[in-house]
Amino acid sequence: MPRNALVVRGGWDGHAPVAATELFIPFLEREGFTVRVEESNEVYEDEALLASTDLVVQTVTMSTIERSAFEKLRTAVEGGLGFAGWHGGIADSYRNNSDYLHMVGGQFATHPGKPHDGSLGERPGDASDNFLPYTVEINEAGRSHPITQGLDDFELVNEQYWVLHDDYIDVLATTTHPAREDQPWHRPVTSPAVWTRQWGEGRIFVATPGHDIETLQHASVRTIIERGLLWASRTA
């Protein structure tokens, strides 16, 4: 049965929203989706379009959203529209809208950078200042979930998201920020790295890895995202 996907991209250019989404559009097309691409979240005002869409893939870091557009998106998700994305394109969107954060269930807070003493590598003054080695750990729930089953824990060297979240998310994988002498926290802090959320009749999928194209092409990251997009798609 034909399915429709809406790719909504924009916001901060540092997350390469065009190049990043272009990685996954061919996959969606192979899976039988007709894909429409929009460069503005104003498309969420189109209730008829949302009603005929099975999956929204959003890559909009920061930016803002009008109240009316968000409310129509939320209503569509509650009615069964799938909503999915990765990294800042979904977990650091629309800081002006607390209801959006409530719907998604987790919000980027920071990505701790390298110590200035060079113990984790030099700081050249670009994005790589925040690239740390870290582990994404598949938890017990993730071992049997269709998004992450069969995958092992894996290592990345990239931004490690510290996420503020609630306990209504279903966490499939985590990452732990160690206590460090150069930082103000005093014990390790574990954040969700992959989660799902049932919102009304709709499914939400979030993966926090995905700062750049190299990370998105990592075999485990790409597998998780591709499976997550399919899982989130409208089921009714």
Protein backbone atom coordinates (compact mmCIF):
# COMPACT_ATOMS: atom_id res chain seq x y z
CA MET A 1 0.00 0.00 0.00
CA PRO A 2 1.51 3.41 -0.94
CA ARG A 3 2.63 5.58 1.93
CA ASN A 4 3.45 9.28 2.11
CA ALA A 5 6.39 10.85 3.92
CA LEU A 6 6.91 14.56 4.51
CA VAL A 7 10.49 15.73 5.05
CA VAL A 8 10.62 19.09 6.83
CA ARG A 9 14.10 20.59 7.01
CA GLY A 10 15.76 23.86 7.87
CA GLY A 11 16.98 25.75 10.90
CA TRP A 12 20.68 25.91 11.78
CA ASP A 13 22.88 25.06 8.80
CA GLY A 14 25.53 23.45 11.01
CA HIS A 15 23.53 20.21 11.02
CA ALA A 16 23.42 20.12 7.19
CA PRO A 17 19.65 19.61 7.01
CA VAL A 18 19.60 19.21 3.24
CA ALA A 19 22.51 16.78 2.93
CA ALA A 20 21.39 14.84 6.01
CA THR A 21 17.85 14.27 4.81
CA GLU A 22 19.06 13.39 1.32
CA LEU A 23 20.79 10.38 2.88
CA PHE A 24 17.44 8.89 3.89
CA ILE A 25 15.07 9.94 1.10
CA PRO A 26 16.20 7.10 -1.23
CA PHE A 27 15.66 4.61 1.59
CA LEU A 28 12.11 5.85 2.13
CA GLU A 29 11.40 5.65 -1.58
CA ARG A 30 12.69 2.08 -1.71
CA GLU A 31 10.34 1.28 1.17
CA GLY A 32 7.39 2.48 -0.89
CA PHE A 33 6.98 6.05 0.36
CA THR A 34 6.16 8.98 -1.86
CA VAL A 35 8.36 11.71 -0.38
CA ARG A 36 7.55 15.40 -0.31
CA VAL A 37 10.22 17.85 0.86
CA GLU A 38 9.48 21.22 2.47
CA GLU A 39 11.99 23.84 3.60
CA SER A 40 9.69 25.48 6.17
CA ASN A 41 7.60 24.25 9.07
CA GLU A 42 4.77 26.44 7.79
CA VAL A 43 3.69 23.31 5.94
CA TYR A 44 2.30 22.06 9.26
CA GLU A 45 -0.55 24.53 8.73
CA ASP A 46 -1.86 22.24 5.97
CA GLU A 47 -4.23 19.95 7.85
CA ALA A 48 -5.30 18.06 4.74
CA LEU A 49 -1.67 17.29 3.88
CA LEU A 50 -0.92 16.05 7.40
CA ALA A 51 -4.03 13.87 7.33
CA SER A 52 -2.79 12.17 4.15
CA THR A 53 0.79 11.79 5.44
CA ASP A 54 2.05 8.71 7.24
CA LEU A 55 5.41 10.00 8.45
CA VAL A 56 7.05 13.35 9.12
CA VAL A 57 10.86 13.34 9.12
CA GLN A 58 11.90 16.61 10.72
CA THR A 59 15.39 18.12 10.62
CA VAL A 60 14.94 21.66 11.94
CA THR A 61 17.49 22.66 14.56
CA MET A 62 16.51 25.54 16.83
CA SER A 63 14.37 27.96 14.76
CA THR A 64 10.83 28.84 15.86
CA ILE A 65 7.35 27.61 15.09
CA GLU A 66 4.06 29.48 15.01
CA ARG A 67 1.51 28.38 17.57
CA SER A 68 -1.07 27.47 14.94
CA ALA A 69 1.39 25.33 12.95
CA PHE A 70 2.48 23.43 16.04
CA GLU A 71 -1.07 22.81 17.24
CA LYS A 72 -2.02 21.34 13.86
CA LEU A 73 1.07 19.14 13.92
CA ARG A 74 0.29 17.95 17.44
CA THR A 75 -3.31 17.19 16.53
CA ALA A 76 -2.13 15.17 13.53
CA VAL A 77 0.36 13.20 15.65
CA GLU A 78 -2.33 12.49 18.23
CA GLY A 79 -4.45 11.19 15.36
CA GLY A 80 -1.78 8.76 14.15
CA LEU A 81 0.81 10.69 12.14
CA GLY A 82 4.34 9.39 12.73
CA PHE A 83 6.97 11.95 13.78
CA ALA A 84 10.66 11.11 13.63
CA GLY A 85 14.13 12.59 13.45
CA TRP A 86 17.64 12.70 14.83
CA HIS A 87 19.96 14.94 16.80
CA GLY A 88 19.13 18.66 16.96
CA GLY A 89 16.66 18.37 14.10
CA ILE A 90 14.07 16.97 16.49
CA ALA A 91 15.57 17.18 20.01
CA ASP A 92 16.67 20.83 19.76
CA SER A 93 13.79 22.34 17.80
CA TYR A 94 11.54 25.28 18.69
CA ARG A 95 12.87 26.28 22.07
CA ASN A 96 10.12 28.90 22.11
CA ASN A 97 7.44 26.21 22.44
CA SER A 98 7.29 24.17 25.63
CA ASP A 99 4.37 22.13 24.26
CA TYR A 100 6.61 20.87 21.46
CA LEU A 101 9.13 19.74 24.06
CA HIS A 102 6.33 18.04 25.96
CA MET A 103 5.24 16.12 22.85
CA VAL A 104 8.74 14.93 21.93
CA GLY A 105 9.68 14.00 25.49
CA GLY A 106 13.34 14.98 25.51
CA GLN A 107 15.26 18.18 24.93
CA PHE A 108 18.92 18.85 24.19
CA ALA A 109 20.58 20.64 27.11
CA THR A 110 24.28 20.56 26.14
CA HIS A 111 27.08 18.50 24.64
CA PRO A 112 30.10 18.75 26.95
CA GLY A 113 33.29 19.73 25.16
CA LYS A 114 36.86 18.56 25.42
CA PRO A 115 38.82 19.64 28.49
CA HIS A 116 41.12 22.57 27.86
CA ASP A 117 44.09 20.54 29.13
CA GLY A 118 44.17 18.51 25.92
CA SER A 119 43.53 15.20 27.67
CA LEU A 120 40.80 14.31 25.16
CA GLY A 121 42.37 16.01 22.16
CA GLU A 122 43.16 19.53 21.09
CA ARG A 123 40.58 22.28 20.72
CA PRO A 124 41.09 23.92 17.31
CA GLY A 125 38.16 26.28 17.81
CA ASP A 126 35.62 24.56 15.55
CA ALA A 127 32.81 22.02 15.98
CA SER A 128 35.31 19.30 16.81
CA ASP A 129 35.93 20.99 20.18
CA ASN A 130 32.78 19.12 21.24
CA PHE A 131 33.66 15.75 19.70
CA LEU A 132 34.21 13.25 22.51
CA PRO A 133 34.64 9.47 22.44
CA TYR A 134 31.54 7.89 23.95
CA THR A 135 29.51 4.70 23.95
CA VAL A 136 25.89 4.20 22.91
CA GLU A 137 24.60 1.33 25.04
CA ILE A 138 21.59 -0.71 23.96
CA ASN A 139 19.52 -1.37 27.05
CA GLU A 140 17.39 -4.39 27.93
CA ALA A 141 14.28 -2.97 26.26
CA GLY A 142 16.33 -2.15 23.18
CA ARG A 143 17.55 -5.73 22.82
CA SER A 144 14.07 -6.86 21.77
CA HIS A 145 12.70 -3.70 20.13
CA PRO A 146 12.47 -3.76 16.31
CA ILE A 147 14.48 -0.53 16.06
CA THR A 148 17.53 -1.76 17.94
CA GLN A 149 17.30 -5.55 18.19
CA GLY A 150 20.38 -7.39 17.04
CA LEU A 151 22.63 -4.38 17.50
CA ASP A 152 25.52 -4.22 19.94
CA ASP A 153 26.76 -1.24 21.91
CA PHE A 154 28.84 1.01 19.70
CA GLU A 155 31.41 3.77 19.96
CA LEU A 156 31.26 7.26 18.46
CA VAL A 157 33.52 10.28 18.50
CA ASN A 158 31.14 13.18 18.15
CA GLU A 159 28.74 15.34 20.13
CA GLN A 160 27.41 13.45 23.13
CA TYR A 161 23.97 14.86 23.89
CA TRP A 162 22.96 15.57 27.48
CA VAL A 163 19.17 15.35 27.33
CA LEU A 164 16.49 16.61 29.72
CA HIS A 165 13.61 14.14 29.58
CA ASP A 166 10.60 12.65 31.34
CA ASP A 167 9.79 9.04 32.17
CA TYR A 168 7.05 8.66 29.56
CA ILE A 169 9.64 7.97 26.88
CA ASP A 170 10.57 4.37 26.09
CA VAL A 171 14.35 4.37 26.11
CA LEU A 172 16.12 1.89 23.83
CA ALA A 173 19.70 3.10 24.21
CA THR A 174 21.60 5.39 26.55
CA THR A 175 24.91 7.20 26.87
CA THR A 176 26.68 8.16 30.09
CA HIS A 177 28.55 11.39 30.71
CA PRO A 178 31.40 10.75 33.15
CA ALA A 179 32.11 12.99 36.09
CA ARG A 180 35.02 15.27 35.20
CA GLU A 181 37.19 17.55 37.27
CA ASP A 182 36.77 20.36 34.74
CA GLN A 183 32.94 20.22 34.92
CA PRO A 184 30.50 21.13 37.71
CA TRP A 185 28.70 17.78 38.03
CA HIS A 186 30.02 15.25 40.53
CA ARG A 187 28.73 11.86 39.40
CA PRO A 188 28.10 10.16 36.04
CA VAL A 189 24.91 11.22 34.26
CA THR A 190 23.06 8.88 31.90
CA SER A 191 20.99 10.34 29.07
CA PRO A 192 18.71 8.61 26.58
CA ALA A 193 20.33 8.26 23.15
CA VAL A 194 17.45 6.52 21.35
CA TRP A 195 13.84 6.63 22.44
CA THR A 196 10.27 6.24 21.28
CA ARG A 197 7.06 7.78 22.54
CA GLN A 198 3.42 6.98 21.96
CA TRP A 199 1.48 10.23 21.69
CA GLY A 200 -2.21 9.61 21.23
CA GLU A 201 -2.38 7.31 18.23
CA GLY A 202 0.93 8.59 16.86
CA ARG A 203 4.43 7.24 17.26
CA ILE A 204 7.49 9.42 17.86
CA PHE A 205 11.07 8.29 17.28
CA VAL A 206 14.23 10.17 18.34
CA ALA A 207 17.93 9.32 17.97
CA THR A 208 20.39 11.81 19.42
CA PRO A 209 23.48 10.80 17.37
CA GLY A 210 23.62 12.52 14.01
CA HIS A 211 25.52 15.80 14.22
CA ASP A 212 27.15 15.36 10.83
CA ILE A 213 27.05 13.24 7.71
CA GLU A 214 29.89 10.99 8.89
CA THR A 215 27.95 10.08 12.03
CA LEU A 216 24.75 9.48 10.08
CA GLN A 217 26.67 7.07 7.84
CA HIS A 218 27.92 5.02 10.80
CA ALA A 219 26.42 1.56 10.26
CA SER A 220 24.61 1.34 13.61
CA VAL A 221 23.38 4.94 13.57
CA ARG A 222 22.04 4.62 10.06
CA THR A 223 20.36 1.29 10.83
CA ILE A 224 18.68 2.72 13.92
CA ILE A 225 17.40 5.75 12.04
CA GLU A 226 16.11 3.76 9.08
CA ARG A 227 14.32 1.31 11.36
CA GLY A 228 13.02 4.19 13.47
CA LEU A 229 11.48 5.92 10.47
CA LEU A 230 9.62 2.76 9.52
CA TRP A 231 8.54 2.08 13.09
CA ALA A 232 7.12 5.57 13.55
CA SER A 233 5.11 5.56 10.32
CA ARG A 234 1.33 5.65 10.70
CA THR A 235 0.05 2.21 11.62
CA ALA A 236 -3.70 2.76 11.25
